[in-house]
Amino acid sequence: MPTSRRPDRRPDRASYVPQHPVTAAAKRRAAARRAARRRQARVRLIVCLAALVLICTSVFLLLNRPKPDTAPAGGAASDAVAAGTEAETPVTEPTPDPAQARIDEATATASANTTGTAPAVTDPDTWNQRGKELMDRLSSDEFFVKEGINVGEKAGFPYLIAVNRAASTVTVYTLDEEKRYTVPYMAMVCSGGSDTPLGFFATPVDYPWRLLSGNVYGQYSTRIWDSYLFHSVPYYSQHKDDLEYDEYNKLGTLASLGCIRLAVADVKWIYDNCELGTRVIIYDDENDPGPMGKPGTIYTDPADETLRGWDPTDPDPENPWDDKYLSGTAIRSQAAWDEWNAAQADGRWSSSLTPTDLQGYSTDSSVVPPRG
C-alpha cells in the first residue's frame, strides 16, 4: 500500500537562526549604551558651540579695537564712532624743501652731459651772496692785497675769472650793482697743478693752437701770465682727433704742469668772450669750490678708438661724439644759458672754429704715454 509522507517542517539549515529569549538584564544594558551615546553627542555639540562663540568674539574685538591716533573724547572722531562710522586718519604729506628743489633742478641741468664725476651744485638762490662773500674775503686777504687785487670795475671788461686751484674749478663773475665782480656767471671744471701760480693777473694774448711743454698742443689757448695759460687738454699733435685721452679723464683733479686745462667748450668760451686784459684770480680753497659748486666731467673710454681722440665738447663738425655734449658740463646761470643759446643761433660760436685738420687716428697712449 502506498506509504504516507509527512511534510518536513524543519527549516532549511542555511537560513536557520536559533532563537534565544531576551532577558531583562540584556534590555537594561542596551538602554544604558543608548543613553551614554546621547550624552556624548550632547557634550560634543556644547563644545563646538562654545568654540564658535569664542572665535566670533575674538574676530569682533579685533575688528573694533580702538585706533592709537583717534581724536580725544568729544572730538569729531569720537562723534563719528558713536554714530557707528569710523573716522579716516588724514595723511600728512611732507612739506617740500624749496632750496632742495632748486638744487635738484640745477643739478639735473648740470648733469645732462656728465658721464664721469657727478657735479656738486649749490642752491642757485645763494649764488650771488656766496659770490660777494668770496670776493670780500679775497680782496681782504693779505696775499691778494699785496698782489694788488682790486675787484672793482675795469672799463670794457664784463668778466673776471677766478680759478680755485685746490678744488679744480673755474668760476666766471660779472658785475653787481656796485660795479664789482661778485655775480657768479658760470662754473667750469678744470685741472691745474702744483706749479700753478697763485695771484692776480690779466690776460695778455691768445692763440687758436699753442705749442705746450712736452711738445704737445692746446686749442683755444689764452695766456694768464708768463708760461701759464688756459688751454684745452693737450693733444699729441696739432690735430683735433689726437687728444691725450688719459689726461682728459683727469679733468677735475690736479694734473697739469702748471697751466689751467679745460674742456674745449669751456676754454673756447674764454677765448671767444674774455677780451685780452681780463682779470684772473688764482687762489686755493679745497673745501669750497666756489659759489656755484663744482661741475662734473665726461669720461672718454681709452679702448674706443673711434671717439677717444676727440674732446666730446669740440664743436668741429667732424667730431664723432653726439652733439648733446657740445655744451659741456659747465654750471651756468640763466644769463649764461641765454648767451650760450644766442651764440649758437647767430653764428658767433661757429665763426671762431679752428680749421679742421685731422690725423685720421688717435695716438695709442700705451705706446706713446702722455707728454704734457
Protein backbone atom coordinates (compact mmCIF):
# COMPACT_ATOMS: atom_id res chain seq x y z
CA MET A 1 0.00 0.00 0.00
CA PRO A 2 1.22 3.42 -0.55
CA THR A 3 3.35 4.93 2.09
CA SER A 4 2.05 8.21 3.60
CA ARG A 5 4.53 11.07 3.66
CA ARG A 6 4.57 13.77 6.38
CA PRO A 7 5.89 17.06 5.27
CA ASP A 8 9.32 18.03 6.76
CA ARG A 9 8.66 21.06 8.97
CA ARG A 10 12.32 21.72 9.84
CA PRO A 11 13.58 24.90 8.27
CA ASP A 12 16.35 24.94 5.74
CA ARG A 13 19.69 24.63 7.52
CA ALA A 14 21.23 27.51 5.67
CA SER A 15 18.64 30.03 6.92
CA TYR A 16 18.15 28.68 10.33
CA VAL A 17 18.88 31.06 13.25
CA PRO A 18 18.38 29.74 16.68
CA GLN A 19 16.07 31.81 18.84
CA HIS A 20 17.10 32.84 22.40
CA PRO A 21 14.94 34.51 24.93
CA VAL A 22 15.76 38.25 25.73
CA THR A 23 16.34 38.68 29.39
CA ALA A 24 15.65 41.79 31.44
CA ALA A 25 19.38 42.32 32.16
CA ALA A 26 20.19 42.50 28.45
CA LYS A 27 17.48 45.11 27.95
CA ARG A 28 18.95 47.24 30.74
CA ARG A 29 22.43 47.06 29.26
CA ALA A 30 21.22 48.14 25.81
CA ALA A 31 19.32 51.07 27.28
CA ALA A 32 22.44 52.17 29.18
CA ARG A 33 24.51 52.12 26.00
CA ARG A 34 21.96 54.26 24.13
CA ALA A 35 21.90 56.78 26.98
CA ALA A 36 25.71 57.03 27.00
CA ARG A 37 25.77 57.71 23.27
CA ARG A 38 23.21 60.52 23.63
CA ARG A 39 25.26 62.12 26.44
CA GLN A 40 28.45 62.05 24.31
CA ALA A 41 26.62 63.69 21.38
CA ARG A 42 25.31 66.49 23.64
CA VAL A 43 28.84 67.12 25.04
CA ARG A 44 30.33 67.36 21.53
CA LEU A 45 27.61 69.81 20.46
CA ILE A 46 28.20 72.03 23.52
CA VAL A 47 31.99 72.09 22.89
CA CYS A 48 31.51 73.06 19.22
CA LEU A 49 29.09 75.85 20.09
CA ALA A 50 31.46 77.23 22.74
CA ALA A 51 34.38 77.25 20.26
CA LEU A 52 32.27 79.04 17.63
CA VAL A 53 31.21 81.71 20.14
CA LEU A 54 34.86 82.24 21.20
CA ILE A 55 36.04 82.66 17.57
CA CYS A 56 33.27 85.13 16.74
CA THR A 57 34.00 87.18 19.85
CA SER A 58 37.73 87.36 19.03
CA VAL A 59 37.09 88.50 15.45
CA PHE A 60 34.64 91.15 16.62
CA LEU A 61 37.11 92.55 19.17
CA LEU A 62 39.94 92.59 16.62
CA LEU A 63 37.90 94.49 14.05
CA ASN A 64 36.60 97.00 16.56
CA ARG A 65 39.71 97.71 18.61
CA PRO A 66 40.39 101.48 19.08
CA LYS A 67 42.99 103.16 16.79
CA PRO A 68 46.01 104.71 18.55
CA ASP A 69 45.67 108.05 16.73
CA THR A 70 41.95 108.64 17.24
CA ALA A 71 40.83 112.08 18.32
CA PRO A 72 40.24 112.91 22.02
CA ALA A 73 36.89 112.18 23.61
CA GLY A 74 34.22 114.56 22.45
CA GLY A 75 36.03 115.33 19.17
CA ALA A 76 34.84 114.74 15.64
CA ALA A 77 36.34 111.26 15.51
CA SER A 78 34.54 110.24 18.74
CA ASP A 79 31.24 111.54 17.37
CA ALA A 80 31.78 109.55 14.20
CA VAL A 81 32.46 106.36 16.14
CA ALA A 82 29.46 107.00 18.38
CA ALA A 83 27.34 107.33 15.27
CA GLY A 84 28.59 103.97 14.05
CA THR A 85 31.08 105.22 11.44
CA GLU A 86 34.87 105.10 11.54
CA ALA A 87 36.74 108.37 11.08
CA GLU A 88 39.53 108.32 8.46
CA THR A 89 43.01 109.28 9.64
CA PRO A 90 44.32 112.16 7.48
CA VAL A 91 47.62 111.53 5.62
CA THR A 92 50.08 114.39 6.06
CA GLU A 93 52.33 114.95 3.04
CA PRO A 94 55.90 116.08 3.82
CA THR A 95 56.50 119.74 3.13
CA PRO A 96 58.85 120.06 0.13
CA ASP A 97 62.11 121.91 0.71
CA PRO A 98 62.26 124.77 -1.83
CA ALA A 99 66.06 125.03 -1.56
CA GLN A 100 66.49 121.31 -2.26
CA ALA A 101 64.09 121.57 -5.20
CA ARG A 102 66.21 124.36 -6.70
CA ILE A 103 69.40 122.36 -6.15
CA ASP A 104 67.85 119.28 -7.74
CA GLU A 105 66.75 121.26 -10.79
CA ALA A 106 70.17 122.91 -11.24
CA THR A 107 71.91 119.57 -10.72
CA ALA A 108 69.75 117.88 -13.36
CA THR A 109 70.73 120.55 -15.89
CA ALA A 110 74.42 120.35 -14.96
CA SER A 111 74.31 116.53 -15.13
CA ALA A 112 72.84 116.34 -18.64
CA ASN A 113 76.23 115.59 -20.24
CA THR A 114 78.02 114.14 -17.23
CA THR A 115 79.30 110.59 -17.70
CA GLY A 116 82.26 110.82 -15.30
CA THR A 117 82.36 112.54 -11.91
CA ALA A 118 78.98 113.94 -10.86
CA PRO A 119 78.56 117.68 -10.25
CA ALA A 120 78.17 119.25 -6.79
CA VAL A 121 75.77 122.16 -7.25
CA THR A 122 74.74 124.69 -4.60
CA ASP A 123 71.38 126.46 -4.22
CA PRO A 124 71.06 128.99 -7.10
CA ASP A 125 69.33 131.43 -4.75
CA THR A 126 72.58 131.67 -2.75
CA TRP A 127 74.96 132.17 -5.68
CA ASN A 128 75.06 135.97 -5.59
CA GLN A 129 75.51 136.19 -1.84
CA ARG A 130 78.16 133.49 -1.84
CA GLY A 131 79.97 135.25 -4.68
CA LYS A 132 80.01 138.53 -2.77
CA GLU A 133 81.30 136.83 0.39
CA LEU A 134 84.11 135.13 -1.54
CA MET A 135 85.19 138.32 -3.27
CA ASP A 136 85.10 140.25 0.02
CA ARG A 137 87.27 137.58 1.58
CA LEU A 138 89.76 137.51 -1.29
CA SER A 139 90.01 141.29 -1.54
CA SER A 140 90.87 141.48 2.18
CA ASP A 141 93.35 138.60 2.11
CA GLU A 142 96.86 139.80 2.87
CA PHE A 143 98.33 137.84 -0.04
CA PHE A 144 95.96 139.33 -2.61
CA VAL A 145 96.23 142.84 -1.16
CA LYS A 146 99.97 142.52 -1.59
CA GLU A 147 99.47 141.38 -5.17
CA GLY A 148 97.30 144.42 -5.89
CA ILE A 149 93.93 142.72 -6.27
CA ASN A 150 91.04 145.05 -7.00
CA VAL A 151 87.63 143.53 -7.67
CA GLY A 152 86.06 146.81 -8.73
CA GLU A 153 85.01 147.53 -12.31
CA LYS A 154 87.59 147.75 -15.06
CA ALA A 155 86.14 149.53 -18.08
CA GLY A 156 85.37 147.33 -21.07
CA PHE A 157 85.78 144.01 -19.31
CA PRO A 158 82.46 142.32 -18.47
CA TYR A 159 84.02 139.28 -16.79
CA LEU A 160 86.53 138.30 -14.11
CA ILE A 161 87.86 134.72 -14.00
CA ALA A 162 88.56 133.12 -10.60
CA VAL A 163 90.47 129.84 -10.53
CA ASN A 164 90.27 127.70 -7.38
CA ARG A 165 93.41 125.65 -7.90
CA ALA A 166 92.86 123.29 -4.98
CA ALA A 167 89.25 122.49 -5.96
CA SER A 168 89.90 122.33 -9.74
CA THR A 169 87.12 124.79 -10.52
CA VAL A 170 87.00 127.98 -12.61
CA THR A 171 84.19 130.45 -11.84
CA VAL A 172 83.45 133.43 -14.09
CA TYR A 173 81.96 136.56 -12.46
CA THR A 174 80.08 139.55 -13.81
CA LEU A 175 79.42 142.97 -12.27
CA ASP A 176 76.95 143.62 -9.47
CA GLU A 177 75.01 146.86 -8.85
CA GLU A 178 78.09 148.36 -7.21
CA LYS A 179 80.18 147.59 -10.32
CA ARG A 180 82.13 144.86 -8.54
CA TYR A 181 82.82 141.40 -9.96
CA THR A 182 80.77 139.39 -7.48
CA VAL A 183 77.93 137.85 -9.52
CA PRO A 184 78.63 134.19 -10.47
CA TYR A 185 78.02 133.68 -14.17
CA MET A 186 79.25 130.15 -14.87
CA ALA A 187 81.50 127.48 -13.34
CA MET A 188 83.79 125.12 -15.25
CA VAL A 189 85.70 122.02 -14.18
CA CYS A 190 89.46 122.30 -14.74
CA SER A 191 92.86 120.82 -13.94
CA GLY A 192 95.71 122.90 -12.61
CA GLY A 193 98.88 121.68 -11.00
CA SER A 194 101.12 122.17 -8.01
CA ASP A 195 103.17 124.68 -10.05
CA THR A 196 100.15 126.80 -10.98
CA PRO A 197 100.92 130.29 -9.60
CA LEU A 198 98.59 131.92 -7.08
CA GLY A 199 97.83 135.60 -7.50
CA PHE A 200 96.17 138.28 -9.55
CA PHE A 201 96.78 138.53 -13.32
CA ALA A 202 95.44 139.97 -16.59
CA THR A 203 95.37 138.02 -19.87
CA PRO A 204 97.90 139.38 -22.43
CA VAL A 205 97.50 137.19 -25.56
CA ASP A 206 95.62 134.21 -27.01
CA TYR A 207 96.17 131.54 -29.68
CA PRO A 208 93.93 129.18 -31.72
CA TRP A 209 96.59 126.48 -31.18
CA ARG A 210 99.63 126.72 -28.92
CA LEU A 211 102.70 124.54 -28.57
CA LEU A 212 102.96 123.48 -24.92
CA SER A 213 105.62 121.97 -22.70
CA GLY A 214 106.33 118.38 -23.68
CA ASN A 215 105.92 119.04 -27.39
CA VAL A 216 102.12 118.82 -27.22
CA TYR A 217 99.44 121.27 -28.32
CA GLY A 218 96.48 123.10 -26.79
CA GLN A 219 93.43 124.51 -28.57
CA TYR A 220 91.92 127.94 -27.85
CA SER A 221 94.74 128.99 -25.53
CA THR A 222 94.75 132.24 -23.54
CA ARG A 223 97.87 133.24 -21.66
CA ILE A 224 97.44 134.05 -17.96
CA TRP A 225 101.00 135.04 -17.13
CA ASP A 226 104.48 134.01 -18.22
CA SER A 227 104.27 130.38 -19.48
CA TYR A 228 100.91 129.65 -17.81
CA LEU A 229 97.80 129.50 -19.98
CA PHE A 230 94.17 128.48 -20.14
CA HIS A 231 94.08 125.76 -22.80
CA SER A 232 92.36 122.53 -23.78
CA VAL A 233 93.53 119.16 -22.59
CA PRO A 234 96.75 118.58 -24.60
CA TYR A 235 96.88 116.88 -27.99
CA TYR A 236 99.79 114.68 -29.10
CA SER A 237 99.84 116.57 -32.38
CA GLN A 238 98.07 119.60 -33.81
CA HIS A 239 95.10 117.50 -34.89
CA LYS A 240 91.65 117.53 -33.31
CA ASP A 241 91.44 113.73 -33.34
CA ASP A 242 94.71 113.19 -31.45
CA LEU A 243 93.73 114.08 -27.87
CA GLU A 244 95.70 112.80 -24.86
CA TYR A 245 92.60 110.91 -23.74
CA ASP A 246 94.10 109.63 -20.50
CA GLU A 247 94.70 113.25 -19.48
CA TYR A 248 91.14 114.18 -20.44
CA ASN A 249 89.86 111.72 -17.84
CA LYS A 250 91.89 113.59 -15.20
CA LEU A 251 89.85 116.80 -15.52
CA GLY A 252 88.71 117.89 -12.08
CA THR A 253 91.99 116.89 -10.43
CA LEU A 254 95.44 118.42 -10.12
CA ALA A 255 97.09 117.02 -13.24
CA SER A 256 98.81 119.75 -15.29
CA LEU A 257 102.36 121.06 -15.33
CA GLY A 258 101.01 124.44 -14.18
CA CYS A 259 98.57 125.62 -16.87
CA ILE A 260 94.79 125.51 -16.43
CA ARG A 261 93.27 122.76 -18.57
CA LEU A 262 89.62 122.91 -19.56
CA ALA A 263 87.22 121.09 -21.88
CA VAL A 264 87.15 122.63 -25.37
CA ALA A 265 83.65 124.09 -24.89
CA ASP A 266 84.81 125.96 -21.77
CA VAL A 267 88.22 127.14 -22.91
CA LYS A 268 86.72 128.26 -26.24
CA TRP A 269 84.16 130.30 -24.31
CA ILE A 270 87.02 132.16 -22.58
CA TYR A 271 88.81 132.55 -25.94
CA ASP A 272 85.64 134.00 -27.56
CA ASN A 273 84.23 136.13 -24.75
CA CYS A 274 87.02 137.36 -22.47
CA GLU A 275 88.88 140.26 -24.02
CA LEU A 276 92.62 140.44 -23.57
CA GLY A 277 93.24 142.23 -20.31
CA THR A 278 90.52 140.27 -18.48
CA ARG A 279 91.43 139.84 -14.83
CA VAL A 280 92.27 136.41 -13.46
CA ILE A 281 92.47 135.44 -9.78
CA ILE A 282 94.07 132.13 -8.79
CA TYR A 283 93.57 131.01 -5.19
CA ASP A 284 93.23 127.87 -3.07
CA ASP A 285 90.16 126.67 -1.16
CA GLU A 286 89.94 122.91 -1.11
CA ASN A 287 86.72 122.83 0.92
CA ASP A 288 84.64 125.23 -1.19
CA PRO A 289 85.00 125.03 -5.00
CA GLY A 290 83.07 128.26 -5.50
CA PRO A 291 79.64 129.84 -5.09
CA MET A 292 78.02 127.72 -7.83
CA GLY A 293 79.70 124.45 -6.90
CA LYS A 294 81.91 122.14 -8.95
CA PRO A 295 80.81 120.77 -12.36
CA GLY A 296 81.04 117.14 -13.35
CA THR A 297 83.14 115.52 -16.06
CA ILE A 298 82.77 113.46 -19.24
CA TYR A 299 84.52 110.10 -19.45
CA THR A 300 86.46 109.01 -22.54
CA ASP A 301 86.88 105.27 -22.98
CA PRO A 302 90.56 104.53 -23.77
CA ALA A 303 89.52 101.40 -25.67
CA ASP A 304 87.20 103.25 -28.06
CA GLU A 305 89.49 104.17 -30.94
CA THR A 306 86.70 105.99 -32.77
CA LEU A 307 85.89 108.51 -30.01
CA ARG A 308 88.87 108.64 -27.68
CA GLY A 309 90.96 111.03 -29.81
CA TRP A 310 88.29 113.77 -29.68
CA ASP A 311 87.25 116.13 -26.92
CA PRO A 312 83.49 115.37 -26.66
CA THR A 313 82.70 119.12 -26.45
CA ASP A 314 84.69 120.18 -29.53
CA PRO A 315 82.22 121.96 -31.87
CA ASP A 316 84.08 120.91 -35.00
CA PRO A 317 81.53 119.37 -37.42
CA GLU A 318 83.77 116.31 -37.89
CA ASN A 319 83.55 115.40 -34.19
CA PRO A 320 82.07 111.86 -33.99
CA TRP A 321 80.70 112.42 -30.48
CA ASP A 322 76.98 113.10 -30.05
CA ASP A 323 76.08 116.78 -30.43
CA LYS A 324 74.46 116.76 -27.00
CA TYR A 325 77.94 117.05 -25.44
CA LEU A 326 78.70 120.37 -27.17
CA SER A 327 77.53 122.48 -24.22
CA GLY A 328 79.94 120.64 -21.91
CA THR A 329 79.31 120.27 -18.19
CA ALA A 330 79.55 123.89 -17.03
CA ILE A 331 77.13 125.10 -14.35
CA ARG A 332 75.51 128.15 -15.96
CA SER A 333 73.34 130.95 -14.65
CA GLN A 334 70.24 131.77 -16.68
CA ALA A 335 72.11 134.73 -18.19
CA ALA A 336 74.92 132.39 -19.27
CA TRP A 337 72.45 129.97 -20.84
CA ASP A 338 70.78 132.84 -22.71
CA GLU A 339 74.17 133.98 -24.05
CA TRP A 340 75.11 130.40 -24.98
CA ASN A 341 71.90 129.82 -26.93
CA ALA A 342 72.16 133.19 -28.69
CA ALA A 343 75.76 132.44 -29.76
CA GLN A 344 74.64 129.15 -31.28
CA ALA A 345 71.77 130.80 -33.10
CA ASP A 346 73.58 133.83 -34.55
CA GLY A 347 76.73 132.02 -35.64
CA ARG A 348 79.20 133.56 -33.20
CA TRP A 349 80.11 130.19 -31.74
CA SER A 350 80.93 128.55 -35.07
CA SER A 351 82.65 131.60 -36.59
CA SER A 352 85.76 131.19 -34.43
CA LEU A 353 86.33 127.46 -35.01
CA THR A 354 89.90 126.41 -35.62
CA PRO A 355 90.35 124.75 -39.05
CA THR A 356 89.57 121.05 -39.24
CA ASP A 357 92.88 119.25 -39.52
CA LEU A 358 92.72 115.54 -38.74
CA GLN A 359 95.36 112.87 -38.31
CA GLY A 360 92.93 110.07 -39.05
CA TYR A 361 93.71 108.10 -35.90
CA SER A 362 94.48 108.71 -32.23
CA THR A 363 97.90 108.09 -30.75
CA ASP A 364 97.89 104.98 -28.55
CA SER A 365 98.86 106.05 -25.03
CA SER A 366 100.13 102.56 -24.23
CA VAL A 367 102.76 103.11 -26.93
CA VAL A 368 103.34 106.86 -26.50
CA PRO A 369 102.44 107.95 -22.96
CA PRO A 370 101.08 111.47 -22.27
CA ARG A 371 103.78 114.09 -22.66
CA GLY A 372 102.23 117.27 -21.27
